[in-house]
Amino acid sequence: MVRLSSISAILRVIRPVNCSMIGLAAVIGEFIALGDLPSLREAFLGFLTAFAMMAGTMSVNDYYDIEADRINRPEKPLPSGALAPRSAILAGLSFCTAALVAAASINVSSLTIAILALFLMIYYNTLGKRTGFFGNIVVSICVGLPFIFGGAAVGKVTAILTFFSLMAFAANLGREVTKGIIDVEGDRSRMIRTIAVAYGPQRASMLAAVIYLVSVGLSLAPPILGLVGFGYLALVSISDAGFIFSSISLARRWDRENAKRTKNYVLVWMFIGLLAFVAGSVKSP
């Protein structure tokens, strides 16, 4: 019988809020591609694939990060002893298997993208993380993929999905660089050459700020090209204001605490951006 404490620890490892955002991104991708609500089956399998893939790779990531987390975040389930490393690996394998089965139940294109995402995350967890910024790029590709996956799931990858995927990629890349500022001590101990380790927290903060502004710039392209409705502008302006605020904050302060706050705020701006994608795709009556 699985103990409640173990279930709680696994939930802390997979971070359901983050996984739900990725699952929602896949469903939003389906909605945008169709210009209408996907079927219940398409929505369920799309959400399940993205959610489970994210959950599985996060579990494996925490397994490989256990030594760094003993320094950076000793309160996390694995370094604190709340969850055994073997349990994290088993959870990771179970979630990733569920993701591949769900993707295979949709179509070949969906399964291909799911396998690509799994391959990228395996590379990141085993080798790519030590490369620092390149590893950040790999993770961010996986965050942008759910929109493309959603389009593939309904057989229609559109130009607007590509733009949204690029925006998600840029926003998450900035967030990954920001996270490097928080984890600099543990990363240095494992010789992980993040921007913060290689060039210092100040330069990492400046780079993250610039990347967030690139995301804002990308958000202007869909309305200029006439690909979205007015609802997109109303919500994306809030998201963009948040990213600009975070950029200014990082440019002024590059300490660990400010980076931690910024990382959490950026997750909110990304969620509002998701809502903007939906609003921009709703057809006028």
C-alpha atoms as a PDB file:
ATOM      1  CA  MET A   1       0.000   0.000   0.000  1.00  0.00           C
ATOM      2  CA  VAL A   2       1.338   3.443  -1.025  1.00  0.00           C
ATOM      3  CA  ARG A   3       1.654   5.801   1.918  1.00  0.00           C
ATOM      4  CA  LEU A   4       0.067   9.250   1.778  1.00  0.00           C
ATOM      5  CA  SER A   5       3.454  10.785   2.587  1.00  0.00           C
ATOM      6  CA  SER A   6       4.938   9.145  -0.516  1.00  0.00           C
ATOM      7  CA  ILE A   7       2.106  10.433  -2.698  1.00  0.00           C
ATOM      8  CA  SER A   8       2.614  13.923  -1.275  1.00  0.00           C
ATOM      9  CA  ALA A   9       6.349  13.706  -1.987  1.00  0.00           C
ATOM     10  CA  ILE A  10       5.758  12.559  -5.575  1.00  0.00           C
ATOM     11  CA  LEU A  11       3.363  15.467  -6.125  1.00  0.00           C
ATOM     12  CA  ARG A  12       6.055  17.855  -4.907  1.00  0.00           C
ATOM     13  CA  VAL A  13       8.513  16.285  -7.353  1.00  0.00           C
ATOM     14  CA  ILE A  14       6.276  16.453 -10.432  1.00  0.00           C
ATOM     15  CA  ARG A  15       4.884  19.920  -9.599  1.00  0.00           C
ATOM     16  CA  PRO A  16       1.268  19.470 -10.822  1.00  0.00           C
ATOM     17  CA  VAL A  17       0.759  23.186 -11.554  1.00  0.00           C
ATOM     18  CA  ASN A  18       3.647  23.223 -14.036  1.00  0.00           C
ATOM     19  CA  CYS A  19       2.516  19.948 -15.600  1.00  0.00           C
ATOM     20  CA  SER A  20      -1.074  21.202 -15.868  1.00  0.00           C
ATOM     21  CA  MET A  21       0.114  24.302 -17.734  1.00  0.00           C
ATOM     22  CA  ILE A  22       1.927  22.102 -20.254  1.00  0.00           C
ATOM     23  CA  GLY A  23      -1.165  19.887 -20.587  1.00  0.00           C
ATOM     24  CA  LEU A  24      -3.338  22.952 -21.049  1.00  0.00           C
ATOM     25  CA  ALA A  25      -0.931  24.224 -23.718  1.00  0.00           C
ATOM     26  CA  ALA A  26      -1.480  21.024 -25.716  1.00  0.00           C
ATOM     27  CA  VAL A  27      -5.276  21.384 -25.513  1.00  0.00           C
ATOM     28  CA  ILE A  28      -4.998  25.066 -26.442  1.00  0.00           C
ATOM     29  CA  GLY A  29      -2.887  24.000 -29.426  1.00  0.00           C
ATOM     30  CA  GLU A  30      -5.721  21.688 -30.516  1.00  0.00           C
ATOM     31  CA  PHE A  31      -8.275  24.464 -30.068  1.00  0.00           C
ATOM     32  CA  ILE A  32      -6.224  26.998 -32.043  1.00  0.00           C
ATOM     33  CA  ALA A  33      -5.556  24.547 -34.877  1.00  0.00           C
ATOM     34  CA  LEU A  34      -9.237  23.614 -35.200  1.00  0.00           C
ATOM     35  CA  GLY A  35     -10.641  27.075 -34.546  1.00  0.00           C
ATOM     36  CA  ASP A  36     -13.133  25.228 -32.368  1.00  0.00           C
ATOM     37  CA  LEU A  37     -13.272  22.998 -29.312  1.00  0.00           C
ATOM     38  CA  PRO A  38     -11.540  19.631 -29.761  1.00  0.00           C
ATOM     39  CA  SER A  39     -13.450  16.457 -29.033  1.00  0.00           C
ATOM     40  CA  LEU A  40     -13.380  15.177 -25.457  1.00  0.00           C
ATOM     41  CA  ARG A  41     -11.117  12.311 -26.575  1.00  0.00           C
ATOM     42  CA  GLU A  42      -8.657  14.645 -28.318  1.00  0.00           C
ATOM     43  CA  ALA A  43      -8.571  17.011 -25.356  1.00  0.00           C
ATOM     44  CA  PHE A  44      -8.145  14.245 -22.782  1.00  0.00           C
ATOM     45  CA  LEU A  45      -5.385  12.394 -24.646  1.00  0.00           C
ATOM     46  CA  GLY A  46      -3.593  15.631 -25.542  1.00  0.00           C
ATOM     47  CA  PHE A  47      -3.641  16.862 -21.953  1.00  0.00           C
ATOM     48  CA  LEU A  48      -2.639  13.455 -20.578  1.00  0.00           C
ATOM     49  CA  THR A  49       0.309  13.103 -22.966  1.00  0.00           C
ATOM     50  CA  ALA A  50       1.778  16.528 -22.182  1.00  0.00           C
ATOM     51  CA  PHE A  51       1.044  16.358 -18.437  1.00  0.00           C
ATOM     52  CA  ALA A  52       2.471  12.849 -18.005  1.00  0.00           C
ATOM     53  CA  MET A  53       5.557  13.552 -20.123  1.00  0.00           C
ATOM     54  CA  MET A  54       6.338  16.639 -18.059  1.00  0.00           C
ATOM     55  CA  ALA A  55       5.695  14.803 -14.791  1.00  0.00           C
ATOM     56  CA  GLY A  56       7.888  11.880 -15.806  1.00  0.00           C
ATOM     57  CA  THR A  57      10.832  13.957 -16.934  1.00  0.00           C
ATOM     58  CA  MET A  58      10.597  16.144 -13.813  1.00  0.00           C
ATOM     59  CA  SER A  59      10.821  13.039 -11.632  1.00  0.00           C
ATOM     60  CA  VAL A  60      13.897  11.835 -13.489  1.00  0.00           C
ATOM     61  CA  ASN A  61      15.369  15.349 -13.381  1.00  0.00           C
ATOM     62  CA  ASP A  62      15.082  15.442  -9.578  1.00  0.00           C
ATOM     63  CA  TYR A  63      16.821  12.070  -9.423  1.00  0.00           C
ATOM     64  CA  TYR A  64      19.803  13.397 -11.362  1.00  0.00           C
ATOM     65  CA  ASP A  65      19.729  16.688  -9.424  1.00  0.00           C
ATOM     66  CA  ILE A  66      19.826  15.161  -5.958  1.00  0.00           C
ATOM     67  CA  GLU A  67      23.437  16.147  -5.184  1.00  0.00           C
ATOM     68  CA  ALA A  68      22.988  19.750  -6.349  1.00  0.00           C
ATOM     69  CA  ASP A  69      19.697  19.961  -4.458  1.00  0.00           C
ATOM     70  CA  ARG A  70      21.448  18.950  -1.228  1.00  0.00           C
ATOM     71  CA  ILE A  71      23.077  22.395  -1.512  1.00  0.00           C
ATOM     72  CA  ASN A  72      20.475  24.479  -3.380  1.00  0.00           C
ATOM     73  CA  ARG A  73      17.202  23.057  -2.053  1.00  0.00           C
ATOM     74  CA  PRO A  74      17.719  20.551   0.770  1.00  0.00           C
ATOM     75  CA  GLU A  75      14.002  20.721   1.601  1.00  0.00           C
ATOM     76  CA  LYS A  76      13.003  18.980  -1.654  1.00  0.00           C
ATOM     77  CA  PRO A  77      11.688  15.396  -1.373  1.00  0.00           C
ATOM     78  CA  LEU A  78      14.786  13.499  -2.520  1.00  0.00           C
ATOM     79  CA  PRO A  79      17.577  15.301  -0.602  1.00  0.00           C
ATOM     80  CA  SER A  80      15.363  15.554   2.496  1.00  0.00           C
ATOM     81  CA  GLY A  81      14.678  11.803   2.432  1.00  0.00           C
ATOM     82  CA  ALA A  82      10.911  12.212   2.027  1.00  0.00           C
ATOM     83  CA  LEU A  83      11.106  10.202  -1.211  1.00  0.00           C
ATOM     84  CA  ALA A  84      13.548   7.445  -2.120  1.00  0.00           C
ATOM     85  CA  PRO A  85      15.522   7.929  -5.378  1.00  0.00           C
ATOM     86  CA  ARG A  86      14.210   4.566  -6.619  1.00  0.00           C
ATOM     87  CA  SER A  87      10.633   5.815  -6.190  1.00  0.00           C
ATOM     88  CA  ALA A  88      11.411   8.929  -8.237  1.00  0.00           C
ATOM     89  CA  ILE A  89      12.770   6.800 -11.094  1.00  0.00           C
ATOM     90  CA  LEU A  90       9.767   4.446 -10.958  1.00  0.00           C
ATOM     91  CA  ALA A  91       7.398   7.428 -11.022  1.00  0.00           C
ATOM     92  CA  GLY A  92       9.314   8.899 -13.954  1.00  0.00           C
ATOM     93  CA  LEU A  93       9.145   5.677 -15.957  1.00  0.00           C
ATOM     94  CA  SER A  94       5.434   5.228 -15.182  1.00  0.00           C
ATOM     95  CA  PHE A  95       4.489   8.761 -16.236  1.00  0.00           C
ATOM     96  CA  CYS A  96       6.593   8.657 -19.420  1.00  0.00           C
ATOM     97  CA  THR A  97       5.104   5.297 -20.395  1.00  0.00           C
ATOM     98  CA  ALA A  98       1.595   6.678 -19.868  1.00  0.00           C
ATOM     99  CA  ALA A  99       2.518   9.679 -22.044  1.00  0.00           C
ATOM    100  CA  LEU A 100       3.729   7.505 -24.924  1.00  0.00           C
ATOM    101  CA  VAL A 101       0.680   5.244 -24.742  1.00  0.00           C
ATOM    102  CA  ALA A 102      -1.637   8.276 -24.801  1.00  0.00           C
ATOM    103  CA  ALA A 103       0.248   9.815 -27.746  1.00  0.00           C
ATOM    104  CA  ALA A 104       0.160   6.528 -29.664  1.00  0.00           C
ATOM    105  CA  SER A 105      -3.620   6.481 -29.151  1.00  0.00           C
ATOM    106  CA  ILE A 106      -3.925   9.785 -31.044  1.00  0.00           C
ATOM    107  CA  ASN A 107      -1.858   9.414 -34.228  1.00  0.00           C
ATOM    108  CA  VAL A 108       1.651   8.767 -35.545  1.00  0.00           C
ATOM    109  CA  SER A 109       2.586  12.468 -35.637  1.00  0.00           C
ATOM    110  CA  SER A 110       1.670  12.893 -31.979  1.00  0.00           C
ATOM    111  CA  LEU A 111       3.711   9.848 -30.999  1.00  0.00           C
ATOM    112  CA  THR A 112       6.686  11.142 -33.002  1.00  0.00           C
ATOM    113  CA  ILE A 113       6.618  14.501 -31.193  1.00  0.00           C
ATOM    114  CA  ALA A 114       6.223  12.781 -27.813  1.00  0.00           C
ATOM    115  CA  ILE A 115       9.246  10.564 -28.543  1.00  0.00           C
ATOM    116  CA  LEU A 116      11.241  13.643 -29.614  1.00  0.00           C
ATOM    117  CA  ALA A 117      10.343  15.421 -26.355  1.00  0.00           C
ATOM    118  CA  LEU A 118      11.320  12.344 -24.326  1.00  0.00           C
ATOM    119  CA  PHE A 119      14.629  12.039 -26.180  1.00  0.00           C
ATOM    120  CA  LEU A 120      15.433  15.710 -25.571  1.00  0.00           C
ATOM    121  CA  MET A 121      14.669  15.456 -21.856  1.00  0.00           C
ATOM    122  CA  ILE A 122      16.696  12.246 -21.461  1.00  0.00           C
ATOM    123  CA  TYR A 123      19.602  14.031 -23.133  1.00  0.00           C
ATOM    124  CA  TYR A 124      19.128  17.052 -20.868  1.00  0.00           C
ATOM    125  CA  ASN A 125      18.977  15.020 -17.659  1.00  0.00           C
ATOM    126  CA  THR A 126      21.976  12.830 -18.467  1.00  0.00           C
ATOM    127  CA  LEU A 127      24.327  15.120 -20.428  1.00  0.00           C
ATOM    128  CA  GLY A 128      22.745  18.383 -21.533  1.00  0.00           C
ATOM    129  CA  LYS A 129      22.350  20.019 -18.140  1.00  0.00           C
ATOM    130  CA  ARG A 130      26.121  20.352 -17.739  1.00  0.00           C
ATOM    131  CA  THR A 131      26.284  22.441 -20.921  1.00  0.00           C
ATOM    132  CA  GLY A 132      24.443  25.264 -19.157  1.00  0.00           C
ATOM    133  CA  PHE A 133      22.793  27.584 -21.659  1.00  0.00           C
ATOM    134  CA  PHE A 134      22.457  24.901 -24.338  1.00  0.00           C
ATOM    135  CA  GLY A 135      20.663  22.757 -21.776  1.00  0.00           C
ATOM    136  CA  ASN A 136      18.338  25.695 -21.068  1.00  0.00           C
ATOM    137  CA  ILE A 137      17.548  25.793 -24.790  1.00  0.00           C
ATOM    138  CA  VAL A 138      16.730  22.070 -24.845  1.00  0.00           C
ATOM    139  CA  VAL A 139      14.295  22.411 -21.926  1.00  0.00           C
ATOM    140  CA  SER A 140      12.649  25.440 -23.532  1.00  0.00           C
ATOM    141  CA  ILE A 141      12.158  23.592 -26.819  1.00  0.00           C
ATOM    142  CA  CYS A 142      10.186  21.018 -24.842  1.00  0.00           C
ATOM    143  CA  VAL A 143       8.039  23.795 -23.326  1.00  0.00           C
ATOM    144  CA  GLY A 144       7.262  25.178 -26.787  1.00  0.00           C
ATOM    145  CA  LEU A 145       6.490  21.757 -28.295  1.00  0.00           C
ATOM    146  CA  PRO A 146       3.020  21.223 -26.717  1.00  0.00           C
ATOM    147  CA  PHE A 147       1.479  23.805 -29.076  1.00  0.00           C
ATOM    148  CA  ILE A 148       2.920  22.011 -32.110  1.00  0.00           C
ATOM    149  CA  PHE A 149       1.879  18.708 -30.535  1.00  0.00           C
ATOM    150  CA  GLY A 150      -1.687  19.995 -30.135  1.00  0.00           C
ATOM    151  CA  GLY A 151      -1.848  20.922 -33.805  1.00  0.00           C
ATOM    152  CA  ALA A 152      -0.422  17.546 -34.827  1.00  0.00           C
ATOM    153  CA  ALA A 153      -2.967  15.791 -32.613  1.00  0.00           C
ATOM    154  CA  VAL A 154      -5.799  17.220 -34.732  1.00  0.00           C
ATOM    155  CA  GLY A 155      -3.846  17.057 -38.002  1.00  0.00           C
ATOM    156  CA  LYS A 156      -3.312  20.797 -38.471  1.00  0.00           C
ATOM    157  CA  VAL A 157      -0.129  22.689 -37.499  1.00  0.00           C
ATOM    158  CA  THR A 158      -0.705  26.372 -38.336  1.00  0.00           C
ATOM    159  CA  ALA A 159       1.435  29.529 -38.523  1.00  0.00           C
ATOM    160  CA  ILE A 160      -0.113  30.964 -35.369  1.00  0.00           C
ATOM    161  CA  LEU A 161       0.789  27.805 -33.454  1.00  0.00           C
ATOM    162  CA  THR A 162       4.385  28.280 -34.551  1.00  0.00           C
ATOM    163  CA  PHE A 163       4.398  31.856 -33.222  1.00  0.00           C
ATOM    164  CA  PHE A 164       2.892  30.782 -29.907  1.00  0.00           C
ATOM    165  CA  SER A 165       5.434  27.980 -29.650  1.00  0.00           C
ATOM    166  CA  LEU A 166       8.290  30.461 -30.198  1.00  0.00           C
ATOM    167  CA  MET A 167       6.858  32.809 -27.560  1.00  0.00           C
ATOM    168  CA  ALA A 168       6.636  29.989 -25.020  1.00  0.00           C
ATOM    169  CA  PHE A 169      10.181  28.943 -25.911  1.00  0.00           C
ATOM    170  CA  ALA A 170      11.556  32.461 -25.332  1.00  0.00           C
ATOM    171  CA  ALA A 171       9.655  33.036 -22.083  1.00  0.00           C
ATOM    172  CA  ASN A 172      10.810  29.727 -20.632  1.00  0.00           C
ATOM    173  CA  LEU A 173      14.388  30.265 -21.801  1.00  0.00           C
ATOM    174  CA  GLY A 174      14.477  33.477 -19.787  1.00  0.00           C
ATOM    175  CA  ARG A 175      13.036  31.598 -16.825  1.00  0.00           C
ATOM    176  CA  GLU A 176      15.685  28.869 -17.100  1.00  0.00           C
ATOM    177  CA  VAL A 177      18.471  31.458 -17.094  1.00  0.00           C
ATOM    178  CA  THR A 178      16.823  33.088 -14.070  1.00  0.00           C
ATOM    179  CA  LYS A 179      16.698  29.730 -12.262  1.00  0.00           C
ATOM    180  CA  GLY A 180      20.444  29.418 -12.819  1.00  0.00           C
ATOM    181  CA  ILE A 181      20.947  32.455 -10.573  1.00  0.00           C
ATOM    182  CA  ILE A 182      19.054  30.708  -7.781  1.00  0.00           C
ATOM    183  CA  ASP A 183      20.995  27.459  -8.131  1.00  0.00           C
ATOM    184  CA  VAL A 184      24.468  28.875  -8.712  1.00  0.00           C
ATOM    185  CA  GLU A 185      26.169  27.255  -5.682  1.00  0.00           C
ATOM    186  CA  GLY A 186      24.873  23.749  -6.324  1.00  0.00           C
ATOM    187  CA  ASP A 187      25.479  24.054 -10.079  1.00  0.00           C
ATOM    188  CA  ARG A 188      29.058  25.194  -9.504  1.00  0.00           C
ATOM    189  CA  SER A 189      29.679  22.187  -7.262  1.00  0.00           C
ATOM    190  CA  ARG A 190      28.594  19.879 -10.102  1.00  0.00           C
ATOM    191  CA  MET A 191      30.441  21.881 -12.776  1.00  0.00           C
ATOM    192  CA  ILE A 192      27.199  22.822 -14.542  1.00  0.00           C
ATOM    193  CA  ARG A 193      28.145  25.846 -16.639  1.00  0.00           C
ATOM    194  CA  THR A 194      25.003  27.930 -16.486  1.00  0.00           C
ATOM    195  CA  ILE A 195      25.271  31.584 -17.471  1.00  0.00           C
ATOM    196  CA  ALA A 196      25.256  32.508 -13.768  1.00  0.00           C
ATOM    197  CA  VAL A 197      28.111  30.098 -13.001  1.00  0.00           C
ATOM    198  CA  ALA A 198      30.198  30.948 -16.072  1.00  0.00           C
ATOM    199  CA  TYR A 199      29.695  34.727 -16.189  1.00  0.00           C
ATOM    200  CA  GLY A 200      28.150  35.694 -12.863  1.00  0.00           C
ATOM    201  CA  PRO A 201      24.611  36.490 -11.642  1.00  0.00           C
ATOM    202  CA  GLN A 202      24.639  40.042 -13.020  1.00  0.00           C
ATOM    203  CA  ARG A 203      25.225  38.980 -16.620  1.00  0.00           C
ATOM    204  CA  ALA A 204      22.743  36.125 -16.224  1.00  0.00           C
ATOM    205  CA  SER A 205      20.123  38.622 -15.012  1.00  0.00           C
ATOM    206  CA  MET A 206      20.794  40.920 -17.953  1.00  0.00           C
ATOM    207  CA  LEU A 207      20.525  38.054 -20.431  1.00  0.00           C
ATOM    208  CA  ALA A 208      17.270  36.813 -18.867  1.00  0.00           C
ATOM    209  CA  ALA A 209      15.862  40.364 -19.019  1.00  0.00           C
ATOM    210  CA  VAL A 210      16.724  40.624 -22.724  1.00  0.00           C
ATOM    211  CA  ILE A 211      15.157  37.231 -23.478  1.00  0.00           C
ATOM    212  CA  TYR A 212      11.933  38.244 -21.717  1.00  0.00           C
ATOM    213  CA  LEU A 213      11.828  41.356 -23.905  1.00  0.00           C
ATOM    214  CA  VAL A 214      12.339  39.176 -26.994  1.00  0.00           C
ATOM    215  CA  SER A 215       9.254  37.237 -25.912  1.00  0.00           C
ATOM    216  CA  VAL A 216       7.360  40.525 -25.700  1.00  0.00           C
ATOM    217  CA  GLY A 217       8.557  41.416 -29.199  1.00  0.00           C
ATOM    218  CA  LEU A 218       7.394  38.064 -30.570  1.00  0.00           C
ATOM    219  CA  SER A 219       3.952  38.652 -29.043  1.00  0.00           C
ATOM    220  CA  LEU A 220       3.481  41.660 -31.348  1.00  0.00           C
ATOM    221  CA  ALA A 221       3.825  39.634 -34.546  1.00  0.00           C
ATOM    222  CA  PRO A 222       0.454  37.773 -34.508  1.00  0.00           C
ATOM    223  CA  PRO A 223      -1.727  40.952 -34.338  1.00  0.00           C
ATOM    224  CA  ILE A 224       0.487  42.741 -36.894  1.00  0.00           C
ATOM    225  CA  LEU A 225       0.000  39.816 -39.273  1.00  0.00           C
ATOM    226  CA  GLY A 226      -3.729  39.690 -38.552  1.00  0.00           C
ATOM    227  CA  LEU A 227      -3.593  36.182 -37.111  1.00  0.00           C
ATOM    228  CA  VAL A 228      -5.465  36.876 -33.857  1.00  0.00           C
ATOM    229  CA  GLY A 229      -8.534  38.697 -32.587  1.00  0.00           C
ATOM    230  CA  PHE A 230      -8.878  41.667 -30.245  1.00  0.00           C
ATOM    231  CA  GLY A 231      -9.176  39.426 -27.183  1.00  0.00           C
ATOM    232  CA  TYR A 232      -5.539  38.454 -27.658  1.00  0.00           C
ATOM    233  CA  LEU A 233      -4.356  42.054 -27.395  1.00  0.00           C
ATOM    234  CA  ALA A 234      -6.312  42.682 -24.203  1.00  0.00           C
ATOM    235  CA  LEU A 235      -4.706  39.771 -22.358  1.00  0.00           C
ATOM    236  CA  VAL A 236      -1.265  39.695 -23.941  1.00  0.00           C
ATOM    237  CA  SER A 237      -0.775  43.324 -22.939  1.00  0.00           C
ATOM    238  CA  ILE A 238      -1.071  42.215 -19.287  1.00  0.00           C
ATOM    239  CA  SER A 239       1.374  39.362 -19.887  1.00  0.00           C
ATOM    240  CA  ASP A 240       3.802  41.659 -21.709  1.00  0.00           C
ATOM    241  CA  ALA A 241       3.607  44.258 -18.938  1.00  0.00           C
ATOM    242  CA  GLY A 242       4.522  41.498 -16.483  1.00  0.00           C
ATOM    243  CA  PHE A 243       7.520  40.421 -18.554  1.00  0.00           C
ATOM    244  CA  ILE A 244       8.692  44.021 -18.886  1.00  0.00           C
ATOM    245  CA  PHE A 245       8.336  44.470 -15.119  1.00  0.00           C
ATOM    246  CA  SER A 246      10.371  41.296 -14.533  1.00  0.00           C
ATOM    247  CA  SER A 247      13.036  42.471 -16.986  1.00  0.00           C
ATOM    248  CA  ILE A 248      13.406  45.801 -15.192  1.00  0.00           C
ATOM    249  CA  SER A 249      13.518  44.052 -11.823  1.00  0.00           C
ATOM    250  CA  LEU A 250      16.315  41.719 -12.949  1.00  0.00           C
ATOM    251  CA  ALA A 251      18.250  44.583 -14.522  1.00  0.00           C
ATOM    252  CA  ARG A 252      18.190  46.432 -11.207  1.00  0.00           C
ATOM    253  CA  ARG A 253      18.781  43.483  -8.854  1.00  0.00           C
ATOM    254  CA  TRP A 254      20.461  40.170  -9.550  1.00  0.00           C
ATOM    255  CA  ASP A 255      20.512  38.561  -6.114  1.00  0.00           C
ATOM    256  CA  ARG A 256      19.179  35.071  -5.437  1.00  0.00           C
ATOM    257  CA  GLU A 257      15.977  36.207  -3.697  1.00  0.00           C
ATOM    258  CA  ASN A 258      14.954  38.550  -6.503  1.00  0.00           C
ATOM    259  CA  ALA A 259      15.653  35.835  -9.062  1.00  0.00           C
ATOM    260  CA  LYS A 260      13.459  33.431  -7.087  1.00  0.00           C
ATOM    261  CA  ARG A 261      10.591  35.943  -7.004  1.00  0.00           C
ATOM    262  CA  THR A 262      10.995  36.676 -10.700  1.00  0.00           C
ATOM    263  CA  LYS A 263      10.951  32.971 -11.588  1.00  0.00           C
ATOM    264  CA  ASN A 264       7.594  32.600  -9.812  1.00  0.00           C
ATOM    265  CA  TYR A 265       6.133  35.754 -11.352  1.00  0.00           C
ATOM    266  CA  VAL A 266       7.137  34.624 -14.841  1.00  0.00           C
ATOM    267  CA  LEU A 267       5.033  31.493 -14.418  1.00  0.00           C
ATOM    268  CA  VAL A 268       2.026  33.811 -13.879  1.00  0.00           C
ATOM    269  CA  TRP A 269       2.869  35.897 -16.960  1.00  0.00           C
ATOM    270  CA  MET A 270       3.154  32.688 -19.001  1.00  0.00           C
ATOM    271  CA  PHE A 271      -0.258  31.520 -17.792  1.00  0.00           C
ATOM    272  CA  ILE A 272      -1.847  34.844 -18.767  1.00  0.00           C
ATOM    273  CA  GLY A 273      -0.125  34.439 -22.122  1.00  0.00           C
ATOM    274  CA  LEU A 274      -1.831  31.052 -22.503  1.00  0.00           C
ATOM    275  CA  LEU A 275      -5.185  32.709 -21.888  1.00  0.00           C
ATOM    276  CA  ALA A 276      -4.289  35.336 -24.496  1.00  0.00           C
ATOM    277  CA  PHE A 277      -3.652  32.576 -27.042  1.00  0.00           C
ATOM    278  CA  VAL A 278      -7.142  31.224 -26.382  1.00  0.00           C
ATOM    279  CA  ALA A 279      -8.813  34.631 -26.492  1.00  0.00           C
ATOM    280  CA  GLY A 280      -7.074  35.476 -29.761  1.00  0.00           C
ATOM    281  CA  SER A 281      -8.345  32.322 -31.383  1.00  0.00           C
ATOM    282  CA  VAL A 282     -12.041  32.745 -30.488  1.00  0.00           C
ATOM    283  CA  LYS A 283     -14.012  33.552 -33.586  1.00  0.00           C
ATOM    284  CA  SER A 284     -16.153  36.682 -33.577  1.00  0.00           C
ATOM    285  CA  PRO A 285     -19.903  35.944 -33.649  1.00  0.00           C
END
